[in-house]
Amino acid sequence: MSTDKRRGIFFDRDGTLMEDAHYCGEPALVKVFPGVPAALRRLKDAGFGVFVITNQSGIGRGLITEAQYRAVQEEFLRQAGRDSVDASYYCPDAPGVPSDCRKPEPGMVRAAAAAHHIDLGRSYFVGDKSADIECGRRAGTRTVLVLTGYGSEQHCAADLTCRDAVEAVEKIIGRR
């Protein structure tokens, strides 16, 4: 294990860090969950890399454009704290399209880890869907299922289950 690599936290966006607005193409619909901006700042202050990893199949399905995704992401970053997120990765592919980036495939996590020198074995993936948990597992991270969004309906074996992203951050920082 290389000592120059840092720990990272990979977050799903919709349903995990913000309300799931169902193929959100309107910045006005972005509502970051309470406490998320401060929680992300705490992770950064503790030395973690912070990444958003999101499937955006609405693009591949023709329901939203990439420009709409970018506008929504800009509003998300404005509300969450732009300097609290190292990078955001999205996959526009629709289900059924061969894809190495669409969660549960770990392509976006691996790309972020390579670009930002992240030690995946010491990192976490936090999300509200079984695809998020499986993505983290395939990438070699520990996993946290949050009960916001679709989390309470999921049946998967995450390493931790938390009420929300804020509690997930508290537990991750507590496990340093």
C-alpha atoms as a PDB file:
ATOM      1  CA  MET A   1       0.000   0.000   0.000  1.00  0.00           C
ATOM      2  CA  SER A   2       1.439   3.309  -1.085  1.00  0.00           C
ATOM      3  CA  THR A   3       1.721   5.925   1.647  1.00  0.00           C
ATOM      4  CA  ASP A   4       1.201   8.771  -0.833  1.00  0.00           C
ATOM      5  CA  LYS A   5      -2.362   7.674  -1.488  1.00  0.00           C
ATOM      6  CA  ARG A   6      -5.170   9.133   0.582  1.00  0.00           C
ATOM      7  CA  ARG A   7      -8.559   7.876   1.603  1.00  0.00           C
ATOM      8  CA  GLY A   8     -11.601   8.802  -0.431  1.00  0.00           C
ATOM      9  CA  ILE A   9     -15.322   8.856   0.068  1.00  0.00           C
ATOM     10  CA  PHE A  10     -17.410   8.183  -3.017  1.00  0.00           C
ATOM     11  CA  PHE A  11     -20.999   9.378  -2.788  1.00  0.00           C
ATOM     12  CA  ASP A  12     -23.986   8.654  -4.933  1.00  0.00           C
ATOM     13  CA  ARG A  13     -25.748  12.008  -5.475  1.00  0.00           C
ATOM     14  CA  ASP A  14     -29.512  11.585  -5.949  1.00  0.00           C
ATOM     15  CA  GLY A  15     -31.184  10.158  -2.851  1.00  0.00           C
ATOM     16  CA  THR A  16     -27.899  10.229  -0.903  1.00  0.00           C
ATOM     17  CA  LEU A  17     -26.658  13.836  -0.842  1.00  0.00           C
ATOM     18  CA  MET A  18     -29.778  15.489  -2.256  1.00  0.00           C
ATOM     19  CA  GLU A  19     -33.434  14.635  -2.676  1.00  0.00           C
ATOM     20  CA  ASP A  20     -34.055  12.332  -5.623  1.00  0.00           C
ATOM     21  CA  ALA A  21     -35.985  14.442  -8.149  1.00  0.00           C
ATOM     22  CA  HIS A  22     -36.401  11.608 -10.721  1.00  0.00           C
ATOM     23  CA  TYR A  23     -34.302  12.418 -13.809  1.00  0.00           C
ATOM     24  CA  CYS A  24     -33.651  15.889 -12.453  1.00  0.00           C
ATOM     25  CA  GLY A  25     -33.135  18.347 -15.283  1.00  0.00           C
ATOM     26  CA  GLU A  26     -34.140  21.508 -13.404  1.00  0.00           C
ATOM     27  CA  PRO A  27     -31.727  23.257 -11.026  1.00  0.00           C
ATOM     28  CA  ALA A  28     -34.723  24.636  -9.094  1.00  0.00           C
ATOM     29  CA  LEU A  29     -35.534  21.067  -7.986  1.00  0.00           C
ATOM     30  CA  VAL A  30     -32.140  20.536  -6.302  1.00  0.00           C
ATOM     31  CA  LYS A  31     -32.518  20.212  -2.531  1.00  0.00           C
ATOM     32  CA  VAL A  32     -29.347  19.144  -0.732  1.00  0.00           C
ATOM     33  CA  PHE A  33     -30.189  17.250   2.446  1.00  0.00           C
ATOM     34  CA  PRO A  34     -29.763  19.183   5.727  1.00  0.00           C
ATOM     35  CA  GLY A  35     -26.309  18.841   7.245  1.00  0.00           C
ATOM     36  CA  VAL A  36     -24.647  17.604   4.034  1.00  0.00           C
ATOM     37  CA  PRO A  37     -22.557  20.747   3.352  1.00  0.00           C
ATOM     38  CA  ALA A  38     -21.047  20.684   6.863  1.00  0.00           C
ATOM     39  CA  ALA A  39     -20.493  16.915   6.675  1.00  0.00           C
ATOM     40  CA  LEU A  40     -18.633  17.193   3.364  1.00  0.00           C
ATOM     41  CA  ARG A  41     -16.511  20.013   4.795  1.00  0.00           C
ATOM     42  CA  ARG A  42     -15.638  17.806   7.805  1.00  0.00           C
ATOM     43  CA  LEU A  43     -14.445  15.059   5.447  1.00  0.00           C
ATOM     44  CA  LYS A  44     -12.256  17.513   3.541  1.00  0.00           C
ATOM     45  CA  ASP A  45     -10.879  18.936   6.800  1.00  0.00           C
ATOM     46  CA  ALA A  46     -10.063  15.370   7.906  1.00  0.00           C
ATOM     47  CA  GLY A  47      -8.032  14.840   4.712  1.00  0.00           C
ATOM     48  CA  PHE A  48     -10.433  12.669   2.722  1.00  0.00           C
ATOM     49  CA  GLY A  49     -10.968  13.006  -1.005  1.00  0.00           C
ATOM     50  CA  VAL A  50     -14.681  13.571  -1.713  1.00  0.00           C
ATOM     51  CA  PHE A  51     -16.228  12.398  -4.971  1.00  0.00           C
ATOM     52  CA  VAL A  52     -19.710  12.272  -6.477  1.00  0.00           C
ATOM     53  CA  ILE A  53     -20.386   9.147  -8.558  1.00  0.00           C
ATOM     54  CA  THR A  54     -23.767   9.255 -10.291  1.00  0.00           C
ATOM     55  CA  ASN A  55     -25.676   7.333 -12.914  1.00  0.00           C
ATOM     56  CA  GLN A  56     -27.567   9.766 -15.116  1.00  0.00           C
ATOM     57  CA  SER A  57     -29.459   7.422 -17.420  1.00  0.00           C
ATOM     58  CA  GLY A  58     -31.951  10.198 -18.160  1.00  0.00           C
ATOM     59  CA  ILE A  59     -29.346  11.449 -20.665  1.00  0.00           C
ATOM     60  CA  GLY A  60     -29.106   8.096 -22.452  1.00  0.00           C
ATOM     61  CA  ARG A  61     -32.891   7.724 -22.374  1.00  0.00           C
ATOM     62  CA  GLY A  62     -33.352  11.176 -23.937  1.00  0.00           C
ATOM     63  CA  LEU A  63     -35.192  12.554 -20.880  1.00  0.00           C
ATOM     64  CA  ILE A  64     -32.591  15.213 -20.013  1.00  0.00           C
ATOM     65  CA  THR A  65     -29.649  16.714 -21.892  1.00  0.00           C
ATOM     66  CA  GLU A  66     -26.030  16.836 -20.777  1.00  0.00           C
ATOM     67  CA  ALA A  67     -26.457  20.619 -20.449  1.00  0.00           C
ATOM     68  CA  GLN A  68     -29.378  20.055 -18.046  1.00  0.00           C
ATOM     69  CA  TYR A  69     -27.285  17.576 -16.045  1.00  0.00           C
ATOM     70  CA  ARG A  70     -24.440  20.135 -15.844  1.00  0.00           C
ATOM     71  CA  ALA A  71     -26.847  22.888 -14.703  1.00  0.00           C
ATOM     72  CA  VAL A  72     -28.282  20.608 -11.996  1.00  0.00           C
ATOM     73  CA  GLN A  73     -24.776  19.573 -10.922  1.00  0.00           C
ATOM     74  CA  GLU A  74     -23.700  23.226 -10.702  1.00  0.00           C
ATOM     75  CA  GLU A  75     -26.669  23.964  -8.423  1.00  0.00           C
ATOM     76  CA  PHE A  76     -25.876  20.875  -6.360  1.00  0.00           C
ATOM     77  CA  LEU A  77     -22.277  22.069  -5.919  1.00  0.00           C
ATOM     78  CA  ARG A  78     -23.446  25.579  -5.060  1.00  0.00           C
ATOM     79  CA  GLN A  79     -25.671  24.217  -2.281  1.00  0.00           C
ATOM     80  CA  ALA A  80     -23.291  21.488  -1.077  1.00  0.00           C
ATOM     81  CA  GLY A  81     -20.134  23.599  -1.182  1.00  0.00           C
ATOM     82  CA  ARG A  82     -18.110  23.539  -4.391  1.00  0.00           C
ATOM     83  CA  ASP A  83     -14.808  23.348  -2.489  1.00  0.00           C
ATOM     84  CA  SER A  84     -16.062  20.329  -0.526  1.00  0.00           C
ATOM     85  CA  VAL A  85     -16.121  18.038  -3.589  1.00  0.00           C
ATOM     86  CA  ASP A  86     -12.894  17.073  -5.356  1.00  0.00           C
ATOM     87  CA  ALA A  87     -14.602  15.839  -8.514  1.00  0.00           C
ATOM     88  CA  SER A  88     -17.889  14.561  -9.894  1.00  0.00           C
ATOM     89  CA  TYR A  89     -18.271  11.681 -12.316  1.00  0.00           C
ATOM     90  CA  TYR A  90     -21.450  10.746 -14.169  1.00  0.00           C
ATOM     91  CA  CYS A  91     -22.484   7.960 -16.495  1.00  0.00           C
ATOM     92  CA  PRO A  92     -25.084   8.880 -19.149  1.00  0.00           C
ATOM     93  CA  ASP A  93     -25.687   5.277 -20.241  1.00  0.00           C
ATOM     94  CA  ALA A  94     -29.186   3.802 -20.123  1.00  0.00           C
ATOM     95  CA  PRO A  95     -29.799   0.370 -18.586  1.00  0.00           C
ATOM     96  CA  GLY A  96     -29.101  -2.450 -21.025  1.00  0.00           C
ATOM     97  CA  VAL A  97     -26.373  -0.528 -22.863  1.00  0.00           C
ATOM     98  CA  PRO A  98     -22.963  -2.192 -22.418  1.00  0.00           C
ATOM     99  CA  SER A  99     -21.149   0.153 -20.045  1.00  0.00           C
ATOM    100  CA  ASP A 100     -18.130   0.051 -17.754  1.00  0.00           C
ATOM    101  CA  CYS A 101     -19.210   3.226 -15.976  1.00  0.00           C
ATOM    102  CA  ARG A 102     -22.871   2.547 -15.147  1.00  0.00           C
ATOM    103  CA  LYS A 103     -23.131   1.478 -11.507  1.00  0.00           C
ATOM    104  CA  PRO A 104     -22.789  -1.242 -10.300  1.00  0.00           C
ATOM    105  CA  GLU A 105     -19.765  -1.292 -12.628  1.00  0.00           C
ATOM    106  CA  PRO A 106     -16.854   0.440 -10.858  1.00  0.00           C
ATOM    107  CA  GLY A 107     -15.440   2.406 -13.822  1.00  0.00           C
ATOM    108  CA  MET A 108     -16.183   5.872 -12.402  1.00  0.00           C
ATOM    109  CA  VAL A 109     -14.737   4.973  -8.989  1.00  0.00           C
ATOM    110  CA  ARG A 110     -11.583   3.550 -10.534  1.00  0.00           C
ATOM    111  CA  ALA A 111     -11.172   6.637 -12.751  1.00  0.00           C
ATOM    112  CA  ALA A 112     -11.532   8.954  -9.739  1.00  0.00           C
ATOM    113  CA  ALA A 113      -9.112   6.862  -7.675  1.00  0.00           C
ATOM    114  CA  ALA A 114      -6.489   6.900 -10.420  1.00  0.00           C
ATOM    115  CA  ALA A 115      -6.838  10.633 -11.106  1.00  0.00           C
ATOM    116  CA  HIS A 116      -6.765  11.632  -7.433  1.00  0.00           C
ATOM    117  CA  HIS A 117      -4.366   9.039  -5.935  1.00  0.00           C
ATOM    118  CA  ILE A 118      -6.978   7.326  -3.749  1.00  0.00           C
ATOM    119  CA  ASP A 119      -6.349   4.084  -1.869  1.00  0.00           C
ATOM    120  CA  LEU A 120      -9.592   2.179  -2.555  1.00  0.00           C
ATOM    121  CA  GLY A 121      -8.943  -0.346   0.204  1.00  0.00           C
ATOM    122  CA  ARG A 122      -9.070   2.468   2.771  1.00  0.00           C
ATOM    123  CA  SER A 123     -12.041   4.241   1.177  1.00  0.00           C
ATOM    124  CA  TYR A 124     -15.839   4.122   1.303  1.00  0.00           C
ATOM    125  CA  PHE A 125     -18.747   4.205  -1.120  1.00  0.00           C
ATOM    126  CA  VAL A 126     -21.934   5.765   0.317  1.00  0.00           C
ATOM    127  CA  GLY A 127     -25.263   5.343  -1.472  1.00  0.00           C
ATOM    128  CA  ASP A 128     -28.968   4.625  -1.268  1.00  0.00           C
ATOM    129  CA  LYS A 129     -29.239   1.768  -3.780  1.00  0.00           C
ATOM    130  CA  SER A 130     -27.935  -1.772  -4.005  1.00  0.00           C
ATOM    131  CA  ALA A 131     -26.133  -0.767  -7.245  1.00  0.00           C
ATOM    132  CA  ASP A 132     -24.129   1.768  -5.195  1.00  0.00           C
ATOM    133  CA  ILE A 133     -23.169  -0.865  -2.639  1.00  0.00           C
ATOM    134  CA  GLU A 134     -22.235  -3.363  -5.348  1.00  0.00           C
ATOM    135  CA  CYS A 135     -20.192  -0.677  -7.165  1.00  0.00           C
ATOM    136  CA  GLY A 136     -18.232   0.035  -3.996  1.00  0.00           C
ATOM    137  CA  ARG A 137     -17.688  -3.654  -3.375  1.00  0.00           C
ATOM    138  CA  ARG A 138     -16.461  -4.237  -6.966  1.00  0.00           C
ATOM    139  CA  ALA A 139     -14.109  -1.243  -6.652  1.00  0.00           C
ATOM    140  CA  GLY A 140     -12.668  -2.604  -3.394  1.00  0.00           C
ATOM    141  CA  THR A 141     -14.070   0.009  -0.985  1.00  0.00           C
ATOM    142  CA  ARG A 142     -16.030  -0.419   2.201  1.00  0.00           C
ATOM    143  CA  THR A 143     -19.706   0.343   1.699  1.00  0.00           C
ATOM    144  CA  VAL A 144     -22.371   2.382   3.495  1.00  0.00           C
ATOM    145  CA  LEU A 145     -26.081   2.147   2.730  1.00  0.00           C
ATOM    146  CA  VAL A 146     -28.029   5.264   3.709  1.00  0.00           C
ATOM    147  CA  LEU A 147     -31.756   5.036   4.414  1.00  0.00           C
ATOM    148  CA  THR A 148     -32.621   8.227   2.517  1.00  0.00           C
ATOM    149  CA  GLY A 149     -33.807   8.042  -1.100  1.00  0.00           C
ATOM    150  CA  TYR A 150     -34.424   4.389  -1.942  1.00  0.00           C
ATOM    151  CA  GLY A 151     -32.268   3.109   0.925  1.00  0.00           C
ATOM    152  CA  SER A 152     -35.038   1.751   3.129  1.00  0.00           C
ATOM    153  CA  GLU A 153     -36.298  -0.399   0.212  1.00  0.00           C
ATOM    154  CA  GLN A 154     -32.926  -2.004  -0.552  1.00  0.00           C
ATOM    155  CA  HIS A 155     -31.865  -5.512   0.392  1.00  0.00           C
ATOM    156  CA  CYS A 156     -28.089  -5.605   0.241  1.00  0.00           C
ATOM    157  CA  ALA A 157     -25.235  -6.353   2.576  1.00  0.00           C
ATOM    158  CA  ALA A 158     -23.401  -3.072   3.113  1.00  0.00           C
ATOM    159  CA  ASP A 159     -20.575  -2.837   5.639  1.00  0.00           C
ATOM    160  CA  LEU A 160     -22.540  -0.116   7.467  1.00  0.00           C
ATOM    161  CA  THR A 161     -26.112   1.144   7.364  1.00  0.00           C
ATOM    162  CA  CYS A 162     -26.777   4.734   8.393  1.00  0.00           C
ATOM    163  CA  ARG A 163     -29.800   6.979   8.693  1.00  0.00           C
ATOM    164  CA  ASP A 164     -28.345   9.464   6.184  1.00  0.00           C
ATOM    165  CA  ALA A 165     -25.119  10.806   4.677  1.00  0.00           C
ATOM    166  CA  VAL A 166     -24.453  12.960   7.743  1.00  0.00           C
ATOM    167  CA  GLU A 167     -24.474   9.922  10.043  1.00  0.00           C
ATOM    168  CA  ALA A 168     -22.323   8.034   7.503  1.00  0.00           C
ATOM    169  CA  VAL A 169     -19.705  10.798   7.644  1.00  0.00           C
ATOM    170  CA  GLU A 170     -19.757  10.766  11.451  1.00  0.00           C
ATOM    171  CA  LYS A 171     -19.176   6.999  11.518  1.00  0.00           C
ATOM    172  CA  ILE A 172     -16.454   7.122   8.837  1.00  0.00           C
ATOM    173  CA  ILE A 173     -14.558   9.913  10.587  1.00  0.00           C
ATOM    174  CA  GLY A 174     -14.983   8.057  13.884  1.00  0.00           C
ATOM    175  CA  ARG A 175     -13.351   4.957  12.339  1.00  0.00           C
ATOM    176  CA  ARG A 176     -10.176   6.779  11.296  1.00  0.00           C
END
